[in-house]
Amino acid sequence: FGVEHVVARIYDAKRAEVYERLGIPTVATVPWTTDRLMRTLLPDGVASAWRDPSGKVAVVQLPLHEGWVGHTVASLEQATSSRVAFIMRFGTGVLPTAKTVVQADDLVYVSVLSGTISDVSNAAGQPPEEAS
């Protein structure tokens, strides 16, 4: 059908875990539902997952180019001028080290300065430059 963004509204927490592991974002019937739904449906780079009270630092999910699979977190951080805060891998949060390797279907969240979100997102959406 060409649908790019899919969200499942789940009433059962255990079922929500199954959907998350399959890579389908879920929303629950609680007050944060609207915020989570909007972050899921808006185009990449538009909404942050978290922002500090001053508004200067944000945590965003990066739309990674498939070429980043097999590269280290350190190389991603260097190319995007960001810091990887955590990775969602198979529905579980992972705190990566510099040597952690990006895997297919990873959801990578980075901390960035709010004014650089677009630049960081664009850099992550490009294939990594190969060392010559």
N, C-alpha and C. Protein backbone atom coordinates (compact mmCIF):
# COMPACT_ATOMS: atom_id res chain seq x y z
N PHE A 1 0.82 -1.19 0.00
CA PHE A 1 0.00 0.00 0.00
C PHE A 1 0.86 1.25 0.00
N GLY A 2 2.18 1.13 0.19
CA GLY A 2 3.06 2.29 0.19
C GLY A 2 3.00 3.10 1.46
N VAL A 3 2.53 2.52 2.56
CA VAL A 3 2.42 3.24 3.83
C VAL A 3 3.81 3.27 4.48
N GLU A 4 4.31 4.48 4.76
CA GLU A 4 5.65 4.60 5.32
C GLU A 4 5.66 4.56 6.85
N HIS A 5 4.64 5.09 7.49
CA HIS A 5 4.59 5.15 8.95
C HIS A 5 3.39 4.37 9.46
N VAL A 6 3.67 3.39 10.33
CA VAL A 6 2.62 2.55 10.90
C VAL A 6 2.74 2.63 12.42
N VAL A 7 1.61 2.75 13.08
CA VAL A 7 1.56 2.77 14.54
C VAL A 7 0.44 1.85 14.98
N ALA A 8 0.70 1.06 16.04
CA ALA A 8 -0.34 0.19 16.59
C ALA A 8 -0.76 0.73 17.96
N ARG A 9 -2.06 0.88 18.16
CA ARG A 9 -2.59 1.28 19.47
C ARG A 9 -2.94 0.00 20.21
N ILE A 10 -2.27 -0.22 21.32
CA ILE A 10 -2.37 -1.48 22.04
C ILE A 10 -2.91 -1.25 23.45
N TYR A 11 -3.82 -2.12 23.88
CA TYR A 11 -4.36 -2.04 25.23
C TYR A 11 -3.63 -2.97 26.20
N ASP A 12 -2.99 -4.00 25.68
CA ASP A 12 -2.31 -5.00 26.50
C ASP A 12 -0.80 -4.77 26.45
N ALA A 13 -0.16 -4.55 27.61
CA ALA A 13 1.27 -4.24 27.66
C ALA A 13 2.13 -5.36 27.09
N LYS A 14 1.77 -6.62 27.33
CA LYS A 14 2.55 -7.74 26.81
C LYS A 14 2.49 -7.79 25.29
N ARG A 15 1.34 -7.50 24.74
CA ARG A 15 1.20 -7.47 23.29
C ARG A 15 2.01 -6.31 22.71
N ALA A 16 2.05 -5.19 23.42
CA ALA A 16 2.83 -4.04 22.97
C ALA A 16 4.30 -4.41 22.84
N GLU A 17 4.83 -5.21 23.79
CA GLU A 17 6.22 -5.64 23.72
C GLU A 17 6.48 -6.45 22.46
N VAL A 18 5.55 -7.31 22.09
CA VAL A 18 5.70 -8.12 20.88
C VAL A 18 5.76 -7.22 19.65
N TYR A 19 4.86 -6.26 19.56
CA TYR A 19 4.86 -5.34 18.42
C TYR A 19 6.16 -4.54 18.36
N GLU A 20 6.65 -4.06 19.51
CA GLU A 20 7.90 -3.29 19.55
C GLU A 20 9.06 -4.14 19.05
N ARG A 21 9.11 -5.41 19.45
CA ARG A 21 10.19 -6.30 19.00
C ARG A 21 10.13 -6.54 17.50
N LEU A 22 8.94 -6.45 16.93
CA LEU A 22 8.78 -6.60 15.49
C LEU A 22 9.07 -5.30 14.75
N GLY A 23 9.38 -4.25 15.51
CA GLY A 23 9.70 -2.98 14.88
C GLY A 23 8.51 -2.09 14.62
N ILE A 24 7.35 -2.44 15.18
CA ILE A 24 6.14 -1.63 15.00
C ILE A 24 5.96 -0.76 16.23
N PRO A 25 6.10 0.56 16.10
CA PRO A 25 5.90 1.43 17.26
C PRO A 25 4.48 1.29 17.79
N THR A 26 4.35 1.31 19.11
CA THR A 26 3.03 1.19 19.73
C THR A 26 2.75 2.40 20.60
N VAL A 27 1.49 2.66 20.81
CA VAL A 27 1.07 3.71 21.74
C VAL A 27 0.04 3.11 22.68
N ALA A 28 0.08 3.55 23.92
CA ALA A 28 -0.85 3.05 24.92
C ALA A 28 -1.95 4.07 25.15
N THR A 29 -2.94 3.68 25.93
CA THR A 29 -4.06 4.57 26.21
C THR A 29 -3.79 5.36 27.48
N VAL A 30 -2.71 6.13 27.47
CA VAL A 30 -2.32 6.98 28.60
C VAL A 30 -2.01 8.37 28.07
N PRO A 31 -1.84 9.37 28.95
CA PRO A 31 -1.66 10.76 28.50
C PRO A 31 -0.53 10.99 27.50
N TRP A 32 0.55 10.20 27.56
CA TRP A 32 1.65 10.46 26.63
C TRP A 32 1.38 9.94 25.22
N THR A 33 0.23 9.32 25.03
CA THR A 33 -0.10 8.75 23.73
C THR A 33 -0.02 9.77 22.60
N THR A 34 -0.59 10.93 22.80
CA THR A 34 -0.59 11.94 21.74
C THR A 34 0.83 12.33 21.36
N ASP A 35 1.69 12.55 22.35
CA ASP A 35 3.07 12.92 22.05
C ASP A 35 3.77 11.81 21.28
N ARG A 36 3.63 10.57 21.72
CA ARG A 36 4.29 9.44 21.05
C ARG A 36 3.75 9.27 19.64
N LEU A 37 2.46 9.42 19.47
CA LEU A 37 1.84 9.29 18.15
C LEU A 37 2.37 10.35 17.20
N MET A 38 2.45 11.59 17.66
CA MET A 38 2.94 12.67 16.80
C MET A 38 4.40 12.46 16.43
N ARG A 39 5.23 12.01 17.37
CA ARG A 39 6.64 11.76 17.06
C ARG A 39 6.78 10.65 16.04
N THR A 40 5.89 9.67 16.08
CA THR A 40 5.96 8.55 15.15
C THR A 40 5.50 8.93 13.75
N LEU A 41 4.47 9.75 13.66
CA LEU A 41 3.89 10.07 12.36
C LEU A 41 4.56 11.23 11.64
N LEU A 42 5.19 12.14 12.38
CA LEU A 42 5.82 13.28 11.73
C LEU A 42 7.04 12.82 10.94
N PRO A 43 7.39 13.55 9.87
CA PRO A 43 8.58 13.18 9.09
C PRO A 43 9.83 13.16 9.96
N ASP A 44 10.83 12.36 9.52
CA ASP A 44 12.08 12.26 10.25
C ASP A 44 12.69 13.62 10.51
N GLY A 45 13.25 13.79 11.70
CA GLY A 45 13.95 15.01 12.03
C GLY A 45 13.07 16.15 12.50
N VAL A 46 11.75 16.00 12.46
CA VAL A 46 10.86 17.09 12.84
C VAL A 46 10.69 17.17 14.34
N ALA A 47 10.51 16.07 15.01
CA ALA A 47 10.23 16.06 16.45
C ALA A 47 11.32 15.32 17.20
N SER A 48 11.65 15.80 18.38
CA SER A 48 12.65 15.14 19.19
C SER A 48 11.97 14.19 20.18
N ALA A 49 12.70 13.15 20.60
CA ALA A 49 12.19 12.22 21.59
C ALA A 49 12.26 12.83 22.98
N TRP A 50 13.23 13.74 23.19
CA TRP A 50 13.41 14.41 24.48
C TRP A 50 14.15 15.71 24.23
N ARG A 51 13.85 16.70 25.04
CA ARG A 51 14.54 17.99 24.95
C ARG A 51 14.75 18.50 26.37
N ASP A 52 15.94 19.05 26.65
CA ASP A 52 16.21 19.55 28.00
C ASP A 52 15.40 20.81 28.26
N PRO A 53 15.21 21.19 29.52
CA PRO A 53 14.37 22.35 29.84
C PRO A 53 14.80 23.65 29.18
N SER A 54 16.11 23.81 28.91
CA SER A 54 16.56 25.04 28.26
C SER A 54 16.29 25.03 26.76
N GLY A 55 16.01 23.85 26.21
CA GLY A 55 15.75 23.73 24.78
C GLY A 55 16.99 23.65 23.93
N LYS A 56 18.16 23.55 24.55
CA LYS A 56 19.42 23.56 23.79
C LYS A 56 19.89 22.17 23.36
N VAL A 57 19.51 21.14 24.11
CA VAL A 57 19.94 19.78 23.81
C VAL A 57 18.72 18.92 23.57
N ALA A 58 18.81 18.07 22.55
CA ALA A 58 17.69 17.17 22.23
C ALA A 58 18.21 15.76 22.00
N VAL A 59 17.33 14.79 22.21
CA VAL A 59 17.60 13.40 21.84
C VAL A 59 16.65 13.07 20.70
N VAL A 60 17.22 12.63 19.58
CA VAL A 60 16.41 12.34 18.40
C VAL A 60 16.77 10.96 17.85
N GLN A 61 15.79 10.34 17.21
CA GLN A 61 16.06 9.08 16.51
C GLN A 61 16.58 9.43 15.13
N LEU A 62 17.73 8.88 14.77
CA LEU A 62 18.32 9.18 13.47
C LEU A 62 17.77 8.28 12.38
N PRO A 63 17.43 8.86 11.24
CA PRO A 63 17.07 8.05 10.08
C PRO A 63 18.36 7.61 9.39
N LEU A 64 18.87 6.44 9.74
CA LEU A 64 20.17 5.99 9.23
C LEU A 64 20.09 5.42 7.83
N HIS A 65 21.09 5.77 7.01
CA HIS A 65 21.27 5.13 5.71
C HIS A 65 21.69 3.68 5.96
N GLU A 66 21.23 2.76 5.14
CA GLU A 66 21.54 1.34 5.34
C GLU A 66 23.04 1.06 5.30
N GLY A 67 23.80 1.96 4.70
CA GLY A 67 25.25 1.79 4.62
C GLY A 67 25.95 1.85 5.97
N TRP A 68 25.27 2.36 7.00
CA TRP A 68 25.88 2.43 8.33
C TRP A 68 25.92 1.07 9.01
N VAL A 69 25.14 0.11 8.54
CA VAL A 69 25.15 -1.23 9.13
C VAL A 69 26.57 -1.79 8.98
N GLY A 70 27.12 -2.27 10.09
CA GLY A 70 28.48 -2.81 10.08
C GLY A 70 29.54 -1.80 10.49
N HIS A 71 29.15 -0.55 10.67
CA HIS A 71 30.09 0.50 11.11
C HIS A 71 29.94 0.73 12.61
N THR A 72 30.99 1.24 13.22
CA THR A 72 30.97 1.46 14.67
C THR A 72 30.22 2.73 15.03
N VAL A 73 29.79 2.77 16.28
CA VAL A 73 29.16 3.96 16.82
C VAL A 73 30.13 5.14 16.75
N ALA A 74 31.42 4.90 17.01
CA ALA A 74 32.41 5.97 16.97
C ALA A 74 32.46 6.63 15.60
N SER A 75 32.41 5.84 14.53
CA SER A 75 32.46 6.43 13.19
C SER A 75 31.18 7.20 12.88
N LEU A 76 30.04 6.72 13.37
CA LEU A 76 28.78 7.43 13.19
C LEU A 76 28.80 8.76 13.93
N GLU A 77 29.29 8.74 15.16
CA GLU A 77 29.37 9.97 15.95
C GLU A 77 30.28 10.99 15.29
N GLN A 78 31.40 10.53 14.77
CA GLN A 78 32.34 11.45 14.12
C GLN A 78 31.72 12.06 12.87
N ALA A 79 31.04 11.26 12.07
CA ALA A 79 30.46 11.74 10.81
C ALA A 79 29.28 12.68 11.03
N THR A 80 28.55 12.48 12.13
CA THR A 80 27.35 13.29 12.36
C THR A 80 27.54 14.39 13.39
N SER A 81 28.70 14.43 14.03
CA SER A 81 28.96 15.40 15.10
C SER A 81 27.89 15.31 16.19
N SER A 82 27.57 14.08 16.58
CA SER A 82 26.57 13.85 17.62
C SER A 82 27.09 12.77 18.56
N ARG A 83 26.35 12.49 19.61
CA ARG A 83 26.68 11.42 20.54
C ARG A 83 25.54 10.42 20.56
N VAL A 84 25.85 9.16 20.37
CA VAL A 84 24.81 8.14 20.44
C VAL A 84 24.43 7.94 21.90
N ALA A 85 23.17 8.24 22.21
CA ALA A 85 22.67 8.12 23.58
C ALA A 85 22.31 6.67 23.90
N PHE A 86 21.59 6.03 22.97
CA PHE A 86 21.23 4.63 23.13
C PHE A 86 20.75 4.08 21.80
N ILE A 87 20.68 2.76 21.74
CA ILE A 87 20.20 2.06 20.55
C ILE A 87 19.07 1.14 20.99
N MET A 88 17.97 1.15 20.25
CA MET A 88 16.92 0.16 20.47
C MET A 88 17.20 -0.99 19.51
N ARG A 89 17.49 -2.15 20.09
CA ARG A 89 17.84 -3.33 19.29
C ARG A 89 16.92 -4.46 19.70
N PHE A 90 16.11 -4.93 18.77
CA PHE A 90 15.14 -6.00 19.03
C PHE A 90 14.21 -5.64 20.18
N GLY A 91 13.83 -4.36 20.26
CA GLY A 91 12.88 -3.91 21.27
C GLY A 91 13.48 -3.65 22.64
N THR A 92 14.81 -3.73 22.75
CA THR A 92 15.48 -3.52 24.03
C THR A 92 16.49 -2.38 23.90
N GLY A 93 16.54 -1.51 24.90
CA GLY A 93 17.50 -0.42 24.89
C GLY A 93 18.90 -0.91 25.20
N VAL A 94 19.88 -0.40 24.45
CA VAL A 94 21.29 -0.77 24.62
C VAL A 94 22.10 0.51 24.77
N LEU A 95 22.96 0.57 25.80
CA LEU A 95 23.89 1.68 25.93
C LEU A 95 25.17 1.28 25.21
N PRO A 96 25.44 1.89 24.06
CA PRO A 96 26.58 1.46 23.25
C PRO A 96 27.90 2.03 23.74
N THR A 97 28.97 1.36 23.35
CA THR A 97 30.32 1.89 23.52
C THR A 97 30.78 2.38 22.15
N ALA A 98 31.95 2.98 22.09
CA ALA A 98 32.49 3.45 20.82
C ALA A 98 32.67 2.30 19.83
N LYS A 99 32.90 1.09 20.36
CA LYS A 99 33.15 -0.07 19.50
C LYS A 99 31.88 -0.81 19.09
N THR A 100 30.74 -0.42 19.63
CA THR A 100 29.48 -1.07 19.26
C THR A 100 29.25 -0.91 17.76
N VAL A 101 28.83 -1.98 17.11
CA VAL A 101 28.60 -1.97 15.67
C VAL A 101 27.10 -1.83 15.40
N VAL A 102 26.76 -0.93 14.49
CA VAL A 102 25.36 -0.73 14.09
C VAL A 102 24.89 -1.97 13.34
N GLN A 103 23.72 -2.48 13.73
CA GLN A 103 23.14 -3.65 13.08
C GLN A 103 21.88 -3.25 12.32
N ALA A 104 21.48 -4.10 11.39
CA ALA A 104 20.25 -3.87 10.63
C ALA A 104 19.08 -3.76 11.61
N ASP A 105 18.17 -2.86 11.35
CA ASP A 105 16.96 -2.63 12.14
C ASP A 105 17.21 -1.96 13.49
N ASP A 106 18.44 -1.51 13.77
CA ASP A 106 18.69 -0.74 14.98
C ASP A 106 17.98 0.60 14.88
N LEU A 107 17.43 1.08 15.98
CA LEU A 107 16.91 2.44 16.08
C LEU A 107 17.92 3.20 16.91
N VAL A 108 18.64 4.13 16.27
CA VAL A 108 19.73 4.85 16.91
C VAL A 108 19.25 6.22 17.37
N TYR A 109 19.40 6.49 18.66
CA TYR A 109 19.02 7.78 19.24
C TYR A 109 20.30 8.52 19.61
N VAL A 110 20.39 9.78 19.19
CA VAL A 110 21.57 10.58 19.47
C VAL A 110 21.19 11.83 20.24
N SER A 111 22.14 12.34 21.02
CA SER A 111 21.96 13.63 21.67
C SER A 111 22.68 14.67 20.81
N VAL A 112 21.98 15.76 20.56
CA VAL A 112 22.50 16.81 19.67
C VAL A 112 22.11 18.18 20.21
N LEU A 113 22.82 19.19 19.75
CA LEU A 113 22.40 20.56 20.01
C LEU A 113 21.18 20.83 19.15
N SER A 114 20.17 21.45 19.70
CA SER A 114 18.89 21.63 19.01
C SER A 114 19.04 22.28 17.63
N GLY A 115 19.95 23.21 17.49
CA GLY A 115 20.12 23.89 16.21
C GLY A 115 20.78 23.06 15.13
N THR A 116 21.26 21.86 15.49
CA THR A 116 21.97 21.02 14.52
C THR A 116 21.19 19.78 14.11
N ILE A 117 19.96 19.64 14.57
CA ILE A 117 19.19 18.41 14.30
C ILE A 117 19.10 18.11 12.81
N SER A 118 18.81 19.10 12.01
CA SER A 118 18.67 18.89 10.57
C SER A 118 19.99 18.44 9.94
N ASP A 119 21.10 19.08 10.32
CA ASP A 119 22.41 18.70 9.77
C ASP A 119 22.79 17.28 10.18
N VAL A 120 22.57 16.94 11.44
CA VAL A 120 22.89 15.61 11.94
C VAL A 120 22.04 14.56 11.22
N SER A 121 20.76 14.84 11.08
CA SER A 121 19.84 13.93 10.41
C SER A 121 20.25 13.71 8.95
N ASN A 122 20.62 14.80 8.28
CA ASN A 122 21.06 14.69 6.88
C ASN A 122 22.33 13.87 6.76
N ALA A 123 23.29 14.08 7.66
CA ALA A 123 24.55 13.33 7.62
C ALA A 123 24.31 11.84 7.84
N ALA A 124 23.42 11.50 8.76
CA ALA A 124 23.12 10.09 9.05
C ALA A 124 22.37 9.43 7.90
N GLY A 125 21.64 10.22 7.13
CA GLY A 125 20.88 9.70 6.01
C GLY A 125 21.73 9.43 4.77
N GLN A 126 23.00 9.84 4.83
CA GLN A 126 23.93 9.61 3.72
C GLN A 126 24.78 8.37 4.03
N PRO A 127 25.26 7.68 2.99
CA PRO A 127 26.15 6.54 3.27
C PRO A 127 27.45 7.03 3.89
N PRO A 128 28.07 6.21 4.73
CA PRO A 128 29.34 6.63 5.34
C PRO A 128 30.43 6.76 4.29
N GLU A 129 31.33 7.71 4.52
CA GLU A 129 32.46 7.87 3.60
C GLU A 129 33.48 6.80 3.94
N GLU A 130 33.94 6.11 2.92
CA GLU A 130 34.93 5.06 3.12
C GLU A 130 36.31 5.68 3.24
N ALA A 131 37.12 5.18 4.18
CA ALA A 131 38.49 5.68 4.33
C ALA A 131 39.31 5.27 3.12
N SER A 132 40.11 6.21 2.63
CA SER A 132 40.92 5.88 1.45
C SER A 132 42.37 5.73 1.79
